[in-house]
Structures are given as C-alpha cells and as structure tokens.
Amino acid sequence: MFKKYNHNKNKRLDMPKYIESEQQQILHNTITNGTEIVGDINSQGDLRLDGFLKGNLNIKGRVVIGKTGKVLGTINCKNAEINGNVEGKIYVTELLSLTETAVVKGDIVINKLNIQPGCKFTGACSMDISAVVNEQTNVTSGKPPQTTFTK
C-alpha cells in the first residue's frame, strides 16, 4: 500500500499492512453498575458485567463479573472471572477464576478452577468437560437451560 524509502541504502521497503483479523473483530461488551437487565444475553465476544442480570449468559468468549455485578441465572462461557455474586449454574469450558470477593451459590461444571482465599462458594463442583460441551450444545440448539430464580 505505502512504500517507504530507506535513505541509507536507497532501497524501497514495504510498510506493514493493516490486516483486520478475526480476533480484532470480536466485540467486548460492558454492562455498568446501576444497569438492571431481565432476560438472556447472548454474545459472540467477551462480556463484563458490573450491573444486575436476572437471566442467562451465553457467551462465546470471556465473562467477567465485577465486584458490583450480580447474576441470577446460568452462565455458559469459555472463560470466567467472578468478583461479584452469582446464583445459578456456571458452565466453563476452559478456566473459572473465583476471586476473594466472589460469592457463588450454585453448581459449577468446569474444566479448570482457580479459587482465591476468601471466596464464598456453596454448591457442587464437577470437572467434567463433556457436561460443559453438552450444555453448550443445548444452548446453541435452542433448548433452555434448567434454571430457577430466587429473590
């Protein structure tokens, strides 16, 4: 596209071209503190939630629940970092990180787990990747996840 001359050797050098990769096209979504959503959220990219969600998260990328974030529903994603509150099932195909401020009430089905001291977790933990893949297949086929809400 553009050429640059190297004045020392009088040679033309090709400038690097901008190539938009698939990774750069992935969207990063943020739900800020003070925002309340009732309903499911589906995304091909990453999501950060600092607000309140009563519904399910079906995210192809990474989910971050901030310290002020709260989810009442099922989370289904590739990677997740929980700093806030979650009531419901969590399905993660790669790594679930529960920080010292996390409060999780519900079962988790994961591949890898990182728990920091101070985290509060009440529920069962299964490190069965086939169950995670089956749940993600149900989500993509349109079958609703089995979730009950309590206030």
N, C-alpha and C. Protein backbone atom coordinates (compact mmCIF):
# COMPACT_ATOMS: atom_id res chain seq x y z
N MET A 1 0.82 -1.18 0.00
CA MET A 1 0.00 0.00 0.00
C MET A 1 0.87 1.25 0.00
N PHE A 2 1.62 1.51 1.05
CA PHE A 2 2.53 2.65 1.11
C PHE A 2 3.96 2.12 1.06
N LYS A 3 4.80 2.86 0.46
CA LYS A 3 6.21 2.47 0.40
C LYS A 3 7.04 3.50 1.15
N LYS A 4 8.09 3.04 1.74
CA LYS A 4 8.99 3.93 2.47
C LYS A 4 10.40 3.74 1.92
N TYR A 5 11.07 4.84 1.69
CA TYR A 5 12.44 4.76 1.21
C TYR A 5 13.39 4.72 2.39
N ASN A 6 14.34 3.84 2.30
CA ASN A 6 15.42 3.77 3.26
C ASN A 6 16.54 4.66 2.71
N HIS A 7 16.72 5.82 3.29
CA HIS A 7 17.66 6.80 2.76
C HIS A 7 19.12 6.33 2.84
N ASN A 8 19.40 5.42 3.72
CA ASN A 8 20.78 4.95 3.84
C ASN A 8 21.18 4.04 2.68
N LYS A 9 20.24 3.25 2.17
CA LYS A 9 20.58 2.30 1.13
C LYS A 9 19.83 2.58 -0.17
N ASN A 10 19.03 3.65 -0.19
CA ASN A 10 18.24 3.99 -1.37
C ASN A 10 17.42 2.81 -1.88
N LYS A 11 16.87 2.07 -0.95
CA LYS A 11 16.05 0.92 -1.26
C LYS A 11 14.62 1.17 -0.78
N ARG A 12 13.66 0.66 -1.50
CA ARG A 12 12.28 0.77 -1.06
C ARG A 12 11.96 -0.36 -0.10
N LEU A 13 11.31 -0.01 1.01
CA LEU A 13 10.88 -1.00 1.98
C LEU A 13 9.35 -0.98 2.03
N ASP A 14 8.76 -2.14 2.08
CA ASP A 14 7.30 -2.21 2.21
C ASP A 14 6.91 -1.88 3.65
N MET A 15 5.90 -1.00 3.78
CA MET A 15 5.35 -0.69 5.11
C MET A 15 4.43 -1.83 5.51
N PRO A 16 4.35 -2.14 6.78
CA PRO A 16 3.43 -3.21 7.20
C PRO A 16 2.00 -2.81 6.87
N LYS A 17 1.25 -3.76 6.37
CA LYS A 17 -0.15 -3.52 6.03
C LYS A 17 -1.02 -3.86 7.23
N TYR A 18 -2.11 -3.11 7.35
CA TYR A 18 -3.06 -3.38 8.42
C TYR A 18 -3.98 -4.50 7.95
N ILE A 19 -3.97 -5.59 8.66
CA ILE A 19 -4.83 -6.72 8.35
C ILE A 19 -5.74 -6.93 9.54
N GLU A 20 -7.03 -6.81 9.29
CA GLU A 20 -8.01 -6.98 10.36
C GLU A 20 -8.25 -8.47 10.57
N SER A 21 -7.85 -8.96 11.72
CA SER A 21 -8.00 -10.38 11.99
C SER A 21 -9.35 -10.64 12.64
N GLU A 22 -9.69 -11.90 12.72
CA GLU A 22 -10.96 -12.30 13.34
C GLU A 22 -10.96 -11.93 14.82
N GLN A 23 -9.81 -12.01 15.48
CA GLN A 23 -9.71 -11.65 16.90
C GLN A 23 -10.04 -10.18 17.12
N GLN A 24 -9.62 -9.30 16.20
CA GLN A 24 -9.87 -7.88 16.36
C GLN A 24 -11.33 -7.53 16.14
N GLN A 25 -12.07 -8.40 15.47
CA GLN A 25 -13.46 -8.14 15.19
C GLN A 25 -14.37 -8.51 16.35
N ILE A 26 -13.88 -9.28 17.32
CA ILE A 26 -14.70 -9.71 18.46
C ILE A 26 -15.03 -8.50 19.31
N LEU A 27 -16.29 -8.39 19.66
CA LEU A 27 -16.75 -7.26 20.45
C LEU A 27 -16.58 -7.52 21.94
N HIS A 28 -16.31 -6.46 22.66
CA HIS A 28 -16.22 -6.51 24.11
C HIS A 28 -17.38 -5.69 24.65
N ASN A 29 -18.27 -6.33 25.40
CA ASN A 29 -19.47 -5.68 25.91
C ASN A 29 -19.33 -5.39 27.39
N THR A 30 -19.88 -4.26 27.83
CA THR A 30 -19.83 -3.88 29.23
C THR A 30 -21.22 -3.48 29.69
N ILE A 31 -21.64 -4.05 30.81
CA ILE A 31 -22.89 -3.66 31.47
C ILE A 31 -22.48 -3.02 32.79
N THR A 32 -22.70 -1.72 32.90
CA THR A 32 -22.16 -0.96 34.01
C THR A 32 -23.01 -1.05 35.27
N ASN A 33 -22.41 -0.62 36.37
CA ASN A 33 -23.09 -0.57 37.67
C ASN A 33 -24.30 0.34 37.55
N GLY A 34 -25.43 -0.08 38.12
CA GLY A 34 -26.66 0.69 38.05
C GLY A 34 -27.58 0.22 36.93
N THR A 35 -27.10 -0.68 36.07
CA THR A 35 -27.92 -1.22 34.99
C THR A 35 -28.53 -2.54 35.44
N GLU A 36 -29.85 -2.70 35.23
CA GLU A 36 -30.54 -3.94 35.55
C GLU A 36 -31.15 -4.50 34.29
N ILE A 37 -30.91 -5.79 34.04
CA ILE A 37 -31.43 -6.46 32.86
C ILE A 37 -32.19 -7.70 33.30
N VAL A 38 -33.39 -7.87 32.73
CA VAL A 38 -34.17 -9.08 32.93
C VAL A 38 -34.29 -9.74 31.57
N GLY A 39 -33.68 -10.90 31.42
CA GLY A 39 -33.66 -11.60 30.14
C GLY A 39 -32.30 -12.19 29.88
N ASP A 40 -32.19 -12.97 28.83
CA ASP A 40 -30.94 -13.64 28.49
C ASP A 40 -30.04 -12.74 27.66
N ILE A 41 -28.74 -12.95 27.80
CA ILE A 41 -27.75 -12.24 26.99
C ILE A 41 -26.93 -13.27 26.24
N ASN A 42 -26.88 -13.13 24.91
CA ASN A 42 -26.08 -13.99 24.04
C ASN A 42 -25.06 -13.11 23.33
N SER A 43 -23.79 -13.56 23.30
CA SER A 43 -22.77 -12.76 22.64
C SER A 43 -21.68 -13.66 22.06
N GLN A 44 -21.16 -13.25 20.90
CA GLN A 44 -20.05 -13.94 20.28
C GLN A 44 -18.72 -13.48 20.87
N GLY A 45 -18.71 -12.36 21.59
CA GLY A 45 -17.48 -11.79 22.12
C GLY A 45 -17.37 -11.96 23.62
N ASP A 46 -16.70 -11.03 24.27
CA ASP A 46 -16.50 -11.04 25.71
C ASP A 46 -17.53 -10.13 26.38
N LEU A 47 -17.72 -10.32 27.68
CA LEU A 47 -18.68 -9.51 28.42
C LEU A 47 -18.16 -9.21 29.81
N ARG A 48 -18.30 -7.94 30.23
CA ARG A 48 -18.03 -7.54 31.61
C ARG A 48 -19.34 -7.03 32.18
N LEU A 49 -19.73 -7.58 33.34
CA LEU A 49 -20.98 -7.19 33.97
C LEU A 49 -20.70 -6.62 35.36
N ASP A 50 -21.02 -5.34 35.53
CA ASP A 50 -20.91 -4.69 36.83
C ASP A 50 -22.29 -4.34 37.36
N GLY A 51 -23.33 -4.64 36.60
CA GLY A 51 -24.70 -4.36 36.99
C GLY A 51 -25.40 -5.62 37.47
N PHE A 52 -26.72 -5.70 37.23
CA PHE A 52 -27.56 -6.81 37.70
C PHE A 52 -28.21 -7.48 36.50
N LEU A 53 -28.17 -8.82 36.47
CA LEU A 53 -28.83 -9.60 35.42
C LEU A 53 -29.66 -10.69 36.05
N LYS A 54 -30.95 -10.71 35.72
CA LYS A 54 -31.83 -11.83 36.07
C LYS A 54 -32.12 -12.53 34.76
N GLY A 55 -31.33 -13.52 34.46
CA GLY A 55 -31.41 -14.25 33.20
C GLY A 55 -30.14 -15.03 32.99
N ASN A 56 -29.96 -15.54 31.80
CA ASN A 56 -28.82 -16.40 31.49
C ASN A 56 -27.81 -15.69 30.60
N LEU A 57 -26.54 -16.01 30.80
CA LEU A 57 -25.45 -15.51 29.97
C LEU A 57 -24.94 -16.66 29.09
N ASN A 58 -25.00 -16.49 27.79
CA ASN A 58 -24.44 -17.44 26.84
C ASN A 58 -23.40 -16.69 26.02
N ILE A 59 -22.14 -16.81 26.44
CA ILE A 59 -21.06 -16.00 25.90
C ILE A 59 -20.01 -16.93 25.29
N LYS A 60 -19.61 -16.65 24.05
CA LYS A 60 -18.59 -17.48 23.38
C LYS A 60 -17.19 -17.20 23.92
N GLY A 61 -16.98 -16.04 24.47
CA GLY A 61 -15.65 -15.65 24.94
C GLY A 61 -15.55 -15.67 26.45
N ARG A 62 -15.01 -14.59 27.01
CA ARG A 62 -14.72 -14.47 28.43
C ARG A 62 -15.78 -13.62 29.12
N VAL A 63 -16.17 -14.05 30.32
CA VAL A 63 -17.12 -13.32 31.16
C VAL A 63 -16.38 -12.83 32.41
N VAL A 64 -16.54 -11.55 32.72
CA VAL A 64 -16.03 -11.00 33.97
C VAL A 64 -17.23 -10.42 34.72
N ILE A 65 -17.46 -10.93 35.93
CA ILE A 65 -18.48 -10.37 36.81
C ILE A 65 -17.72 -9.51 37.81
N GLY A 66 -17.92 -8.18 37.73
CA GLY A 66 -17.21 -7.25 38.61
C GLY A 66 -17.70 -7.34 40.04
N LYS A 67 -17.05 -6.61 40.94
CA LYS A 67 -17.40 -6.63 42.37
C LYS A 67 -18.83 -6.22 42.62
N THR A 68 -19.35 -5.31 41.82
CA THR A 68 -20.73 -4.85 41.99
C THR A 68 -21.71 -5.65 41.13
N GLY A 69 -21.22 -6.61 40.38
CA GLY A 69 -22.07 -7.40 39.48
C GLY A 69 -22.81 -8.50 40.21
N LYS A 70 -24.04 -8.79 39.74
CA LYS A 70 -24.84 -9.87 40.31
C LYS A 70 -25.61 -10.54 39.19
N VAL A 71 -25.56 -11.89 39.17
CA VAL A 71 -26.27 -12.68 38.18
C VAL A 71 -27.16 -13.68 38.90
N LEU A 72 -28.45 -13.69 38.52
CA LEU A 72 -29.39 -14.71 38.96
C LEU A 72 -29.75 -15.52 37.71
N GLY A 73 -29.02 -16.59 37.47
CA GLY A 73 -29.24 -17.39 36.27
C GLY A 73 -28.01 -18.21 35.93
N THR A 74 -28.04 -18.83 34.79
CA THR A 74 -26.97 -19.71 34.32
C THR A 74 -25.95 -18.93 33.51
N ILE A 75 -24.67 -19.22 33.76
CA ILE A 75 -23.58 -18.64 32.97
C ILE A 75 -22.96 -19.78 32.17
N ASN A 76 -22.81 -19.55 30.87
CA ASN A 76 -22.23 -20.54 29.97
C ASN A 76 -21.22 -19.82 29.10
N CYS A 77 -19.92 -20.14 29.26
CA CYS A 77 -18.88 -19.40 28.53
C CYS A 77 -17.61 -20.21 28.40
N LYS A 78 -16.62 -19.59 27.76
CA LYS A 78 -15.31 -20.22 27.57
C LYS A 78 -14.42 -20.02 28.80
N ASN A 79 -14.30 -18.77 29.27
CA ASN A 79 -13.53 -18.43 30.47
C ASN A 79 -14.37 -17.48 31.31
N ALA A 80 -14.19 -17.53 32.63
CA ALA A 80 -14.94 -16.63 33.51
C ALA A 80 -14.10 -16.24 34.71
N GLU A 81 -14.27 -14.97 35.11
CA GLU A 81 -13.68 -14.45 36.34
C GLU A 81 -14.83 -13.84 37.14
N ILE A 82 -15.03 -14.37 38.34
CA ILE A 82 -16.14 -13.92 39.18
C ILE A 82 -15.55 -13.12 40.35
N ASN A 83 -15.96 -11.84 40.43
CA ASN A 83 -15.59 -10.98 41.55
C ASN A 83 -16.81 -10.63 42.39
N GLY A 84 -18.00 -10.78 41.82
CA GLY A 84 -19.25 -10.39 42.47
C GLY A 84 -20.07 -11.59 42.88
N ASN A 85 -21.41 -11.48 42.73
CA ASN A 85 -22.34 -12.52 43.17
C ASN A 85 -22.97 -13.25 42.00
N VAL A 86 -23.06 -14.58 42.14
CA VAL A 86 -23.73 -15.41 41.14
C VAL A 86 -24.60 -16.42 41.88
N GLU A 87 -25.89 -16.47 41.50
CA GLU A 87 -26.80 -17.50 41.99
C GLU A 87 -27.29 -18.26 40.78
N GLY A 88 -26.79 -19.47 40.60
CA GLY A 88 -27.17 -20.29 39.46
C GLY A 88 -26.00 -21.14 39.01
N LYS A 89 -26.23 -21.93 37.99
CA LYS A 89 -25.20 -22.83 37.49
C LYS A 89 -24.19 -22.07 36.63
N ILE A 90 -22.95 -22.55 36.67
CA ILE A 90 -21.87 -21.97 35.86
C ILE A 90 -21.23 -23.10 35.06
N TYR A 91 -21.20 -22.93 33.74
CA TYR A 91 -20.55 -23.88 32.84
C TYR A 91 -19.41 -23.15 32.13
N VAL A 92 -18.17 -23.65 32.31
CA VAL A 92 -17.00 -23.00 31.71
C VAL A 92 -16.14 -24.08 31.03
N THR A 93 -15.85 -23.88 29.74
CA THR A 93 -15.08 -24.89 29.01
C THR A 93 -13.59 -24.83 29.27
N GLU A 94 -13.07 -23.68 29.71
CA GLU A 94 -11.64 -23.59 29.98
C GLU A 94 -11.37 -23.30 31.46
N LEU A 95 -11.29 -22.02 31.86
CA LEU A 95 -10.88 -21.68 33.22
C LEU A 95 -11.91 -20.80 33.92
N LEU A 96 -12.30 -21.21 35.13
CA LEU A 96 -13.14 -20.40 36.01
C LEU A 96 -12.28 -19.91 37.15
N SER A 97 -12.23 -18.57 37.33
CA SER A 97 -11.49 -17.97 38.44
C SER A 97 -12.46 -17.32 39.40
N LEU A 98 -12.40 -17.72 40.67
CA LEU A 98 -13.21 -17.12 41.72
C LEU A 98 -12.27 -16.32 42.62
N THR A 99 -12.46 -15.00 42.63
CA THR A 99 -11.57 -14.13 43.41
C THR A 99 -12.02 -14.06 44.86
N GLU A 100 -11.26 -13.34 45.67
CA GLU A 100 -11.54 -13.26 47.11
C GLU A 100 -12.87 -12.57 47.42
N THR A 101 -13.42 -11.80 46.49
CA THR A 101 -14.69 -11.11 46.72
C THR A 101 -15.88 -11.85 46.11
N ALA A 102 -15.65 -12.99 45.47
CA ALA A 102 -16.71 -13.74 44.80
C ALA A 102 -17.63 -14.44 45.80
N VAL A 103 -18.93 -14.43 45.49
CA VAL A 103 -19.94 -15.19 46.24
C VAL A 103 -20.73 -15.97 45.21
N VAL A 104 -20.58 -17.30 45.23
CA VAL A 104 -21.24 -18.16 44.26
C VAL A 104 -22.12 -19.15 45.00
N LYS A 105 -23.43 -19.16 44.62
CA LYS A 105 -24.40 -20.12 45.16
C LYS A 105 -24.97 -20.88 43.99
N GLY A 106 -24.48 -22.09 43.80
CA GLY A 106 -24.94 -22.91 42.68
C GLY A 106 -23.85 -23.86 42.24
N ASP A 107 -24.23 -24.79 41.43
CA ASP A 107 -23.29 -25.80 40.95
C ASP A 107 -22.44 -25.23 39.82
N ILE A 108 -21.19 -25.71 39.75
CA ILE A 108 -20.29 -25.32 38.68
C ILE A 108 -19.80 -26.57 37.96
N VAL A 109 -19.76 -26.48 36.64
CA VAL A 109 -19.21 -27.55 35.80
C VAL A 109 -18.14 -26.89 34.96
N ILE A 110 -16.91 -27.33 35.17
CA ILE A 110 -15.77 -26.61 34.60
C ILE A 110 -14.70 -27.57 34.11
N ASN A 111 -13.72 -27.01 33.42
CA ASN A 111 -12.54 -27.76 33.01
C ASN A 111 -11.41 -27.51 34.01
N LYS A 112 -11.13 -26.22 34.31
CA LYS A 112 -10.10 -25.84 35.27
C LYS A 112 -10.68 -24.83 36.24
N LEU A 113 -10.19 -24.85 37.48
CA LEU A 113 -10.72 -23.97 38.52
C LEU A 113 -9.59 -23.31 39.29
N ASN A 114 -9.74 -21.99 39.51
CA ASN A 114 -8.80 -21.21 40.32
C ASN A 114 -9.62 -20.49 41.39
N ILE A 115 -9.39 -20.83 42.65
CA ILE A 115 -10.12 -20.20 43.75
C ILE A 115 -9.13 -19.49 44.66
N GLN A 116 -9.39 -18.19 44.89
CA GLN A 116 -8.55 -17.42 45.80
C GLN A 116 -9.12 -17.49 47.21
N PRO A 117 -8.26 -17.41 48.23
CA PRO A 117 -8.74 -17.42 49.61
C PRO A 117 -9.70 -16.26 49.86
N GLY A 118 -10.79 -16.54 50.57
CA GLY A 118 -11.80 -15.53 50.87
C GLY A 118 -13.05 -15.68 50.03
N CYS A 119 -12.96 -16.43 48.94
CA CYS A 119 -14.12 -16.66 48.09
C CYS A 119 -15.16 -17.49 48.85
N LYS A 120 -16.45 -17.19 48.60
CA LYS A 120 -17.54 -17.96 49.22
C LYS A 120 -18.23 -18.75 48.13
N PHE A 121 -18.17 -20.08 48.23
CA PHE A 121 -18.77 -20.96 47.23
C PHE A 121 -19.63 -21.99 47.91
N THR A 122 -20.92 -22.03 47.54
CA THR A 122 -21.85 -23.01 48.07
C THR A 122 -22.46 -23.74 46.89
N GLY A 123 -22.16 -25.03 46.77
CA GLY A 123 -22.68 -25.81 45.65
C GLY A 123 -21.75 -26.97 45.35
N ALA A 124 -22.06 -27.65 44.28
CA ALA A 124 -21.25 -28.79 43.86
C ALA A 124 -20.35 -28.37 42.71
N CYS A 125 -19.20 -29.01 42.63
CA CYS A 125 -18.23 -28.73 41.57
C CYS A 125 -17.96 -30.01 40.80
N SER A 126 -18.11 -29.94 39.49
CA SER A 126 -17.80 -31.07 38.64
C SER A 126 -16.79 -30.63 37.59
N MET A 127 -15.69 -31.36 37.49
CA MET A 127 -14.68 -31.05 36.48
C MET A 127 -14.83 -32.05 35.34
N ASP A 128 -15.99 -31.95 34.68
CA ASP A 128 -16.37 -32.85 33.60
C ASP A 128 -16.60 -32.04 32.34
N ILE A 129 -15.62 -32.00 31.46
CA ILE A 129 -15.69 -31.17 30.26
C ILE A 129 -16.81 -31.63 29.34
N SER A 130 -17.15 -32.91 29.33
CA SER A 130 -18.22 -33.38 28.44
C SER A 130 -19.57 -32.79 28.86
N ALA A 131 -19.79 -32.58 30.16
CA ALA A 131 -21.04 -31.95 30.62
C ALA A 131 -21.11 -30.50 30.16
N VAL A 132 -19.97 -29.82 30.16
CA VAL A 132 -19.93 -28.42 29.69
C VAL A 132 -20.26 -28.37 28.21
N VAL A 133 -19.66 -29.26 27.43
CA VAL A 133 -19.90 -29.29 25.99
C VAL A 133 -21.36 -29.63 25.71
N ASN A 134 -21.94 -30.57 26.47
CA ASN A 134 -23.35 -30.92 26.28
C ASN A 134 -24.25 -29.74 26.58
N GLU A 135 -23.96 -28.98 27.62
CA GLU A 135 -24.77 -27.82 27.97
C GLU A 135 -24.67 -26.76 26.89
N GLN A 136 -23.47 -26.55 26.36
CA GLN A 136 -23.31 -25.56 25.29
C GLN A 136 -24.03 -26.00 24.04
N THR A 137 -24.08 -27.30 23.76
CA THR A 137 -24.83 -27.81 22.62
C THR A 137 -26.32 -27.55 22.81
N ASN A 138 -26.82 -27.74 24.03
CA ASN A 138 -28.23 -27.46 24.32
C ASN A 138 -28.55 -25.99 24.10
N VAL A 139 -27.64 -25.12 24.52
CA VAL A 139 -27.86 -23.68 24.38
C VAL A 139 -27.92 -23.29 22.91
N THR A 140 -26.98 -23.80 22.10
CA THR A 140 -26.95 -23.43 20.69
C THR A 140 -28.10 -24.06 19.91
N SER A 141 -28.67 -25.17 20.41
CA SER A 141 -29.78 -25.80 19.70
C SER A 141 -31.12 -25.19 20.09
N GLY A 142 -31.10 -24.26 21.04
CA GLY A 142 -32.33 -23.58 21.41
C GLY A 142 -33.02 -24.14 22.63
N LYS A 143 -32.46 -25.19 23.24
CA LYS A 143 -33.07 -25.74 24.45
C LYS A 143 -32.74 -24.84 25.62
N PRO A 144 -33.72 -24.41 26.39
CA PRO A 144 -33.43 -23.52 27.53
C PRO A 144 -32.74 -24.26 28.65
N PRO A 145 -31.80 -23.60 29.34
CA PRO A 145 -31.15 -24.24 30.48
C PRO A 145 -32.13 -24.34 31.63
N GLN A 146 -31.88 -25.33 32.48
CA GLN A 146 -32.73 -25.55 33.63
C GLN A 146 -32.31 -24.61 34.76
N THR A 147 -33.04 -23.53 34.93
CA THR A 147 -32.68 -22.52 35.92
C THR A 147 -33.92 -22.12 36.71
N THR A 148 -33.77 -22.02 38.02
CA THR A 148 -34.83 -21.47 38.85
C THR A 148 -34.31 -20.23 39.54
N PHE A 149 -35.17 -19.23 39.69
CA PHE A 149 -34.76 -17.97 40.27
C PHE A 149 -35.34 -17.82 41.66
N THR A 150 -34.53 -17.29 42.57
CA THR A 150 -35.00 -16.91 43.89
C THR A 150 -34.56 -15.49 44.14
N LYS A 151 -35.35 -14.73 44.80
CA LYS A 151 -35.01 -13.33 45.05
C LYS A 151 -34.57 -13.15 46.48
